Amino acid sequence: MELVVAQGVGSMKQNKYDVAEFFSKYSQMDRSTKGLIAAGEWATFRAMLPSLRDKRVLDLGCGFGWHCRYARE
């Protein structure tokens, strides 16, 4: 068995969402508190989505789960 080590794995930059000050301000933005309706791009993005009725959806994104809630509804 050969062990393969990825280069650069130990040099990942910190995720800015892990910084308490940044996340505190991000979590107060309208798109974070009011959901998709407050996201300026939502109307255009929603128009591009197919019907999700009776579909299985995997959301690998980040944020507060607004897209998951939309998919569930």
PDB file of N, CA and C in Angstrom:
ATOM      1  N   MET A   1       0.853  -1.176   0.000  1.00  0.00           N
ATOM      2  CA  MET A   1       0.000   0.000   0.000  1.00  0.00           C
ATOM      3  C   MET A   1       0.892   1.230   0.000  1.00  0.00           C
ATOM      4  N   GLU A   2       0.605   2.151  -0.884  1.00  0.00           N
ATOM      5  CA  GLU A   2       1.393   3.371  -1.007  1.00  0.00           C
ATOM      6  C   GLU A   2       0.659   4.526  -0.331  1.00  0.00           C
ATOM      7  N   LEU A   3       1.362   5.280   0.453  1.00  0.00           N
ATOM      8  CA  LEU A   3       0.790   6.452   1.119  1.00  0.00           C
ATOM      9  C   LEU A   3       1.055   7.681   0.263  1.00  0.00           C
ATOM     10  N   VAL A   4       0.008   8.373  -0.098  1.00  0.00           N
ATOM     11  CA  VAL A   4       0.143   9.578  -0.916  1.00  0.00           C
ATOM     12  C   VAL A   4      -0.200  10.771  -0.044  1.00  0.00           C
ATOM     13  N   VAL A   5       0.692  11.739  -0.009  1.00  0.00           N
ATOM     14  CA  VAL A   5       0.486  12.937   0.798  1.00  0.00           C
ATOM     15  C   VAL A   5       0.247  14.107  -0.142  1.00  0.00           C
ATOM     16  N   ALA A   6      -0.865  14.780   0.038  1.00  0.00           N
ATOM     17  CA  ALA A   6      -1.186  15.939  -0.805  1.00  0.00           C
ATOM     18  C   ALA A   6      -0.294  17.105  -0.419  1.00  0.00           C
ATOM     19  N   GLN A   7       0.186  17.786  -1.414  1.00  0.00           N
ATOM     20  CA  GLN A   7       1.014  18.964  -1.157  1.00  0.00           C
ATOM     21  C   GLN A   7       0.139  20.128  -0.721  1.00  0.00           C
ATOM     22  N   GLY A   8       0.632  20.884   0.217  1.00  0.00           N
ATOM     23  CA  GLY A   8      -0.068  22.095   0.633  1.00  0.00           C
ATOM     24  C   GLY A   8      -1.181  21.880   1.637  1.00  0.00           C
ATOM     25  N   VAL A   9      -1.435  20.644   2.054  1.00  0.00           N
ATOM     26  CA  VAL A   9      -2.537  20.396   2.975  1.00  0.00           C
ATOM     27  C   VAL A   9      -2.341  21.149   4.281  1.00  0.00           C
ATOM     28  N   GLY A  10      -1.120  21.201   4.771  1.00  0.00           N
ATOM     29  CA  GLY A  10      -0.863  21.874   6.035  1.00  0.00           C
ATOM     30  C   GLY A  10      -0.833  23.386   5.933  1.00  0.00           C
ATOM     31  N   SER A  11      -1.000  23.932   4.737  1.00  0.00           N
ATOM     32  CA  SER A  11      -0.895  25.377   4.570  1.00  0.00           C
ATOM     33  C   SER A  11      -2.220  26.035   4.201  1.00  0.00           C
ATOM     34  N   MET A  12      -3.340  25.388   4.554  1.00  0.00           N
ATOM     35  CA  MET A  12      -4.645  25.984   4.253  1.00  0.00           C
ATOM     36  C   MET A  12      -4.823  27.278   5.035  1.00  0.00           C
ATOM     37  N   LYS A  13      -5.415  28.262   4.384  1.00  0.00           N
ATOM     38  CA  LYS A  13      -5.709  29.521   5.058  1.00  0.00           C
ATOM     39  C   LYS A  13      -6.934  29.327   5.948  1.00  0.00           C
ATOM     40  N   GLN A  14      -7.031  30.126   6.974  1.00  0.00           N
ATOM     41  CA  GLN A  14      -8.171  30.051   7.871  1.00  0.00           C
ATOM     42  C   GLN A  14      -9.425  30.537   7.149  1.00  0.00           C
ATOM     43  N   ASN A  15     -10.520  29.887   7.383  1.00  0.00           N
ATOM     44  CA  ASN A  15     -11.797  30.286   6.816  1.00  0.00           C
ATOM     45  C   ASN A  15     -12.257  31.568   7.515  1.00  0.00           C
ATOM     46  N   LYS A  16     -12.594  32.594   6.751  1.00  0.00           N
ATOM     47  CA  LYS A  16     -12.976  33.873   7.363  1.00  0.00           C
ATOM     48  C   LYS A  16     -14.239  33.763   8.211  1.00  0.00           C
ATOM     49  N   TYR A  17     -15.066  32.746   7.943  1.00  0.00           N
ATOM     50  CA  TYR A  17     -16.274  32.558   8.743  1.00  0.00           C
ATOM     51  C   TYR A  17     -15.945  32.042  10.146  1.00  0.00           C
ATOM     52  N   ASP A  18     -14.727  31.583  10.354  1.00  0.00           N
ATOM     53  CA  ASP A  18     -14.284  31.142  11.669  1.00  0.00           C
ATOM     54  C   ASP A  18     -13.806  32.298  12.535  1.00  0.00           C
ATOM     55  N   VAL A  19     -13.669  33.478  11.960  1.00  0.00           N
ATOM     56  CA  VAL A  19     -13.243  34.668  12.705  1.00  0.00           C
ATOM     57  C   VAL A  19     -14.477  35.275  13.369  1.00  0.00           C
ATOM     58  N   ALA A  20     -14.480  35.308  14.677  1.00  0.00           N
ATOM     59  CA  ALA A  20     -15.664  35.732  15.438  1.00  0.00           C
ATOM     60  C   ALA A  20     -16.193  37.102  15.017  1.00  0.00           C
ATOM     61  N   GLU A  21     -15.322  38.080  14.833  1.00  0.00           N
ATOM     62  CA  GLU A  21     -15.768  39.429  14.465  1.00  0.00           C
ATOM     63  C   GLU A  21     -16.447  39.430  13.097  1.00  0.00           C
ATOM     64  N   PHE A  22     -15.841  38.740  12.127  1.00  0.00           N
ATOM     65  CA  PHE A  22     -16.437  38.666  10.792  1.00  0.00           C
ATOM     66  C   PHE A  22     -17.801  37.983  10.859  1.00  0.00           C
ATOM     67  N   PHE A  23     -17.875  36.822  11.513  1.00  0.00           N
ATOM     68  CA  PHE A  23     -19.119  36.066  11.553  1.00  0.00           C
ATOM     69  C   PHE A  23     -20.207  36.829  12.287  1.00  0.00           C
ATOM     70  N   SER A  24     -19.837  37.559  13.315  1.00  0.00           N
ATOM     71  CA  SER A  24     -20.817  38.350  14.054  1.00  0.00           C
ATOM     72  C   SER A  24     -21.486  39.370  13.133  1.00  0.00           C
ATOM     73  N   LYS A  25     -20.692  40.046  12.321  1.00  0.00           N
ATOM     74  CA  LYS A  25     -21.252  41.036  11.392  1.00  0.00           C
ATOM     75  C   LYS A  25     -22.000  40.360  10.252  1.00  0.00           C
ATOM     76  N   TYR A  26     -21.473  39.263   9.723  1.00  0.00           N
ATOM     77  CA  TYR A  26     -22.121  38.523   8.640  1.00  0.00           C
ATOM     78  C   TYR A  26     -23.491  38.011   9.077  1.00  0.00           C
ATOM     79  N   SER A  27     -23.572  37.548  10.293  1.00  0.00           N
ATOM     80  CA  SER A  27     -24.826  36.979  10.775  1.00  0.00           C
ATOM     81  C   SER A  27     -25.908  38.033  10.999  1.00  0.00           C
ATOM     82  N   GLN A  28     -25.540  39.319  10.946  1.00  0.00           N
ATOM     83  CA  GLN A  28     -26.508  40.396  11.114  1.00  0.00           C
ATOM     84  C   GLN A  28     -26.971  40.992   9.784  1.00  0.00           C
ATOM     85  N   MET A  29     -26.365  40.554   8.674  1.00  0.00           N
ATOM     86  CA  MET A  29     -26.755  41.074   7.355  1.00  0.00           C
ATOM     87  C   MET A  29     -28.183  40.640   7.031  1.00  0.00           C
ATOM     88  N   ASP A  30     -28.885  41.436   6.218  1.00  0.00           N
ATOM     89  CA  ASP A  30     -30.258  41.105   5.844  1.00  0.00           C
ATOM     90  C   ASP A  30     -30.372  39.704   5.242  1.00  0.00           C
ATOM     91  N   ARG A  31     -29.435  39.314   4.380  1.00  0.00           N
ATOM     92  CA  ARG A  31     -29.516  37.999   3.748  1.00  0.00           C
ATOM     93  C   ARG A  31     -29.359  36.880   4.769  1.00  0.00           C
ATOM     94  N   SER A  32     -28.754  37.187   5.913  1.00  0.00           N
ATOM     95  CA  SER A  32     -28.595  36.184   6.962  1.00  0.00           C
ATOM     96  C   SER A  32     -29.808  36.124   7.872  1.00  0.00           C
ATOM     97  N   THR A  33     -30.454  37.248   8.081  1.00  0.00           N
ATOM     98  CA  THR A  33     -31.585  37.283   9.009  1.00  0.00           C
ATOM     99  C   THR A  33     -32.943  37.163   8.325  1.00  0.00           C
ATOM    100  N   LYS A  34     -33.049  37.642   7.089  1.00  0.00           N
ATOM    101  CA  LYS A  34     -34.342  37.645   6.389  1.00  0.00           C
ATOM    102  C   LYS A  34     -34.464  36.562   5.329  1.00  0.00           C
ATOM    103  N   GLY A  35     -33.367  35.902   5.045  1.00  0.00           N
ATOM    104  CA  GLY A  35     -33.421  34.785   4.115  1.00  0.00           C
ATOM    105  C   GLY A  35     -33.256  35.176   2.663  1.00  0.00           C
ATOM    106  N   LEU A  36     -33.706  34.296   1.802  1.00  0.00           N
ATOM    107  CA  LEU A  36     -33.490  34.455   0.367  1.00  0.00           C
ATOM    108  C   LEU A  36     -34.137  35.714  -0.199  1.00  0.00           C
ATOM    109  N   ILE A  37     -35.235  36.130   0.352  1.00  0.00           N
ATOM    110  CA  ILE A  37     -35.929  37.320  -0.146  1.00  0.00           C
ATOM    111  C   ILE A  37     -35.026  38.554  -0.054  1.00  0.00           C
ATOM    112  N   ALA A  38     -34.069  38.544   0.867  1.00  0.00           N
ATOM    113  CA  ALA A  38     -33.168  39.682   1.046  1.00  0.00           C
ATOM    114  C   ALA A  38     -31.897  39.564   0.203  1.00  0.00           C
ATOM    115  N   ALA A  39     -31.731  38.447  -0.479  1.00  0.00           N
ATOM    116  CA  ALA A  39     -30.551  38.264  -1.336  1.00  0.00           C
ATOM    117  C   ALA A  39     -30.887  38.802  -2.720  1.00  0.00           C
ATOM    118  N   GLY A  40     -30.161  39.804  -3.159  1.00  0.00           N
ATOM    119  CA  GLY A  40     -30.456  40.474  -4.422  1.00  0.00           C
ATOM    120  C   GLY A  40     -30.476  39.548  -5.623  1.00  0.00           C
ATOM    121  N   GLU A  41     -29.676  38.495  -5.593  1.00  0.00           N
ATOM    122  CA  GLU A  41     -29.587  37.582  -6.735  1.00  0.00           C
ATOM    123  C   GLU A  41     -30.646  36.474  -6.708  1.00  0.00           C
ATOM    124  N   TRP A  42     -31.439  36.391  -5.645  1.00  0.00           N
ATOM    125  CA  TRP A  42     -32.337  35.251  -5.476  1.00  0.00           C
ATOM    126  C   TRP A  42     -33.370  35.118  -6.603  1.00  0.00           C
ATOM    127  N   ALA A  43     -34.002  36.175  -7.036  1.00  0.00           N
ATOM    128  CA  ALA A  43     -35.034  36.073  -8.082  1.00  0.00           C
ATOM    129  C   ALA A  43     -34.456  35.478  -9.367  1.00  0.00           C
ATOM    130  N   THR A  44     -33.275  35.921  -9.751  1.00  0.00           N
ATOM    131  CA  THR A  44     -32.630  35.402 -10.963  1.00  0.00           C
ATOM    132  C   THR A  44     -32.213  33.953 -10.772  1.00  0.00           C
ATOM    133  N   PHE A  45     -31.627  33.656  -9.630  1.00  0.00           N
ATOM    134  CA  PHE A  45     -31.177  32.292  -9.346  1.00  0.00           C
ATOM    135  C   PHE A  45     -32.361  31.327  -9.292  1.00  0.00           C
ATOM    136  N   ARG A  46     -33.433  31.701  -8.624  1.00  0.00           N
ATOM    137  CA  ARG A  46     -34.624  30.848  -8.506  1.00  0.00           C
ATOM    138  C   ARG A  46     -35.207  30.550  -9.875  1.00  0.00           C
ATOM    139  N   ALA A  47     -35.207  31.526 -10.768  1.00  0.00           N
ATOM    140  CA  ALA A  47     -35.749  31.326 -12.118  1.00  0.00           C
ATOM    141  C   ALA A  47     -34.946  30.288 -12.908  1.00  0.00           C
ATOM    142  N   MET A  48     -33.693  30.082 -12.548  1.00  0.00           N
ATOM    143  CA  MET A  48     -32.856  29.106 -13.245  1.00  0.00           C
ATOM    144  C   MET A  48     -33.018  27.687 -12.701  1.00  0.00           C
ATOM    145  N   LEU A  49     -33.610  27.557 -11.510  1.00  0.00           N
ATOM    146  CA  LEU A  49     -33.757  26.241 -10.896  1.00  0.00           C
ATOM    147  C   LEU A  49     -34.911  25.458 -11.522  1.00  0.00           C
ATOM    148  N   PRO A  50     -34.735  24.152 -11.676  1.00  0.00           N
ATOM    149  CA  PRO A  50     -35.851  23.320 -12.122  1.00  0.00           C
ATOM    150  C   PRO A  50     -36.810  23.102 -10.952  1.00  0.00           C
ATOM    151  N   SER A  51     -37.933  22.501 -11.211  1.00  0.00           N
ATOM    152  CA  SER A  51     -38.844  22.129 -10.134  1.00  0.00           C
ATOM    153  C   SER A  51     -38.144  21.113  -9.243  1.00  0.00           C
ATOM    154  N   LEU A  52     -38.248  21.302  -7.949  1.00  0.00           N
ATOM    155  CA  LEU A  52     -37.609  20.386  -7.010  1.00  0.00           C
ATOM    156  C   LEU A  52     -38.611  19.408  -6.394  1.00  0.00           C
ATOM    157  N   ARG A  53     -39.852  19.483  -6.824  1.00  0.00           N
ATOM    158  CA  ARG A  53     -40.888  18.589  -6.286  1.00  0.00           C
ATOM    159  C   ARG A  53     -40.497  17.138  -6.539  1.00  0.00           C
ATOM    160  N   ASP A  54     -40.585  16.328  -5.495  1.00  0.00           N
ATOM    161  CA  ASP A  54     -40.269  14.895  -5.539  1.00  0.00           C
ATOM    162  C   ASP A  54     -38.821  14.607  -5.907  1.00  0.00           C
ATOM    163  N   LYS A  55     -37.940  15.571  -5.694  1.00  0.00           N
ATOM    164  CA  LYS A  55     -36.515  15.388  -5.970  1.00  0.00           C
ATOM    165  C   LYS A  55     -35.758  15.246  -4.648  1.00  0.00           C
ATOM    166  N   ARG A  56     -34.627  14.588  -4.712  1.00  0.00           N
ATOM    167  CA  ARG A  56     -33.723  14.525  -3.571  1.00  0.00           C
ATOM    168  C   ARG A  56     -32.655  15.587  -3.805  1.00  0.00           C
ATOM    169  N   VAL A  57     -32.422  16.414  -2.810  1.00  0.00           N
ATOM    170  CA  VAL A  57     -31.513  17.548  -2.958  1.00  0.00           C
ATOM    171  C   VAL A  57     -30.400  17.445  -1.927  1.00  0.00           C
ATOM    172  N   LEU A  58     -29.185  17.651  -2.381  1.00  0.00           N
ATOM    173  CA  LEU A  58     -28.023  17.707  -1.501  1.00  0.00           C
ATOM    174  C   LEU A  58     -27.446  19.108  -1.587  1.00  0.00           C
ATOM    175  N   ASP A  59     -27.459  19.821  -0.485  1.00  0.00           N
ATOM    176  CA  ASP A  59     -26.906  21.171  -0.429  1.00  0.00           C
ATOM    177  C   ASP A  59     -25.554  21.104   0.266  1.00  0.00           C
ATOM    178  N   LEU A  60     -24.506  21.378  -0.481  1.00  0.00           N
ATOM    179  CA  LEU A  60     -23.161  21.350   0.073  1.00  0.00           C
ATOM    180  C   LEU A  60     -22.653  22.746   0.397  1.00  0.00           C
ATOM    181  N   GLY A  61     -23.550  23.699   0.377  1.00  0.00           N
ATOM    182  CA  GLY A  61     -23.146  25.084   0.540  1.00  0.00           C
ATOM    183  C   GLY A  61     -22.865  25.470   1.977  1.00  0.00           C
ATOM    184  N   CYS A  62     -22.860  26.748   2.179  1.00  0.00           N
ATOM    185  CA  CYS A  62     -22.612  27.288   3.504  1.00  0.00           C
ATOM    186  C   CYS A  62     -23.715  28.294   3.806  1.00  0.00           C
ATOM    187  N   GLY A  63     -23.663  28.849   4.951  1.00  0.00           N
ATOM    188  CA  GLY A  63     -24.649  29.862   5.310  1.00  0.00           C
ATOM    189  C   GLY A  63     -25.626  29.350   6.346  1.00  0.00           C
ATOM    190  N   PHE A  64     -26.818  29.883   6.307  1.00  0.00           N
ATOM    191  CA  PHE A  64     -27.808  29.610   7.331  1.00  0.00           C
ATOM    192  C   PHE A  64     -28.879  28.617   6.898  1.00  0.00           C
ATOM    193  N   GLY A  65     -28.693  27.984   5.741  1.00  0.00           N
ATOM    194  CA  GLY A  65     -29.623  26.946   5.312  1.00  0.00           C
ATOM    195  C   GLY A  65     -30.840  27.430   4.551  1.00  0.00           C
ATOM    196  N   TRP A  66     -30.797  28.652   4.034  1.00  0.00           N
ATOM    197  CA  TRP A  66     -31.960  29.183   3.323  1.00  0.00           C
ATOM    198  C   TRP A  66     -32.276  28.387   2.073  1.00  0.00           C
ATOM    199  N   HIS A  67     -31.261  27.921   1.341  1.00  0.00           N
ATOM    200  CA  HIS A  67     -31.519  27.137   0.130  1.00  0.00           C
ATOM    201  C   HIS A  67     -32.116  25.780   0.486  1.00  0.00           C
ATOM    202  N   CYS A  68     -31.687  25.192   1.583  1.00  0.00           N
ATOM    203  CA  CYS A  68     -32.278  23.926   2.037  1.00  0.00           C
ATOM    204  C   CYS A  68     -33.750  24.116   2.379  1.00  0.00           C
ATOM    205  N   ARG A  69     -34.057  25.208   3.026  1.00  0.00           N
ATOM    206  CA  ARG A  69     -35.452  25.487   3.370  1.00  0.00           C
ATOM    207  C   ARG A  69     -36.298  25.657   2.124  1.00  0.00           C
ATOM    208  N   TYR A  70     -35.758  26.349   1.134  1.00  0.00           N
ATOM    209  CA  TYR A  70     -36.479  26.522  -0.136  1.00  0.00           C
ATOM    210  C   TYR A  70     -36.721  25.159  -0.776  1.00  0.00           C
ATOM    211  N   ALA A  71     -35.704  24.319  -0.828  1.00  0.00           N
ATOM    212  CA  ALA A  71     -35.827  22.993  -1.445  1.00  0.00           C
ATOM    213  C   ALA A  71     -36.868  22.151  -0.717  1.00  0.00           C
ATOM    214  N   ARG A  72     -36.907  22.239   0.584  1.00  0.00           N
ATOM    215  CA  ARG A  72     -37.864  21.473   1.385  1.00  0.00           C
ATOM    216  C   ARG A  72     -39.300  21.899   1.110  1.00  0.00           C
ATOM    217  N   GLU A  73     -39.498  23.205   0.930  1.00  0.00           N
ATOM    218  CA  GLU A  73     -40.852  23.722   0.695  1.00  0.00           C
ATOM    219  C   GLU A  73     -41.320  23.372  -0.701  1.00  0.00           C
TER     220      GLU A  73
END
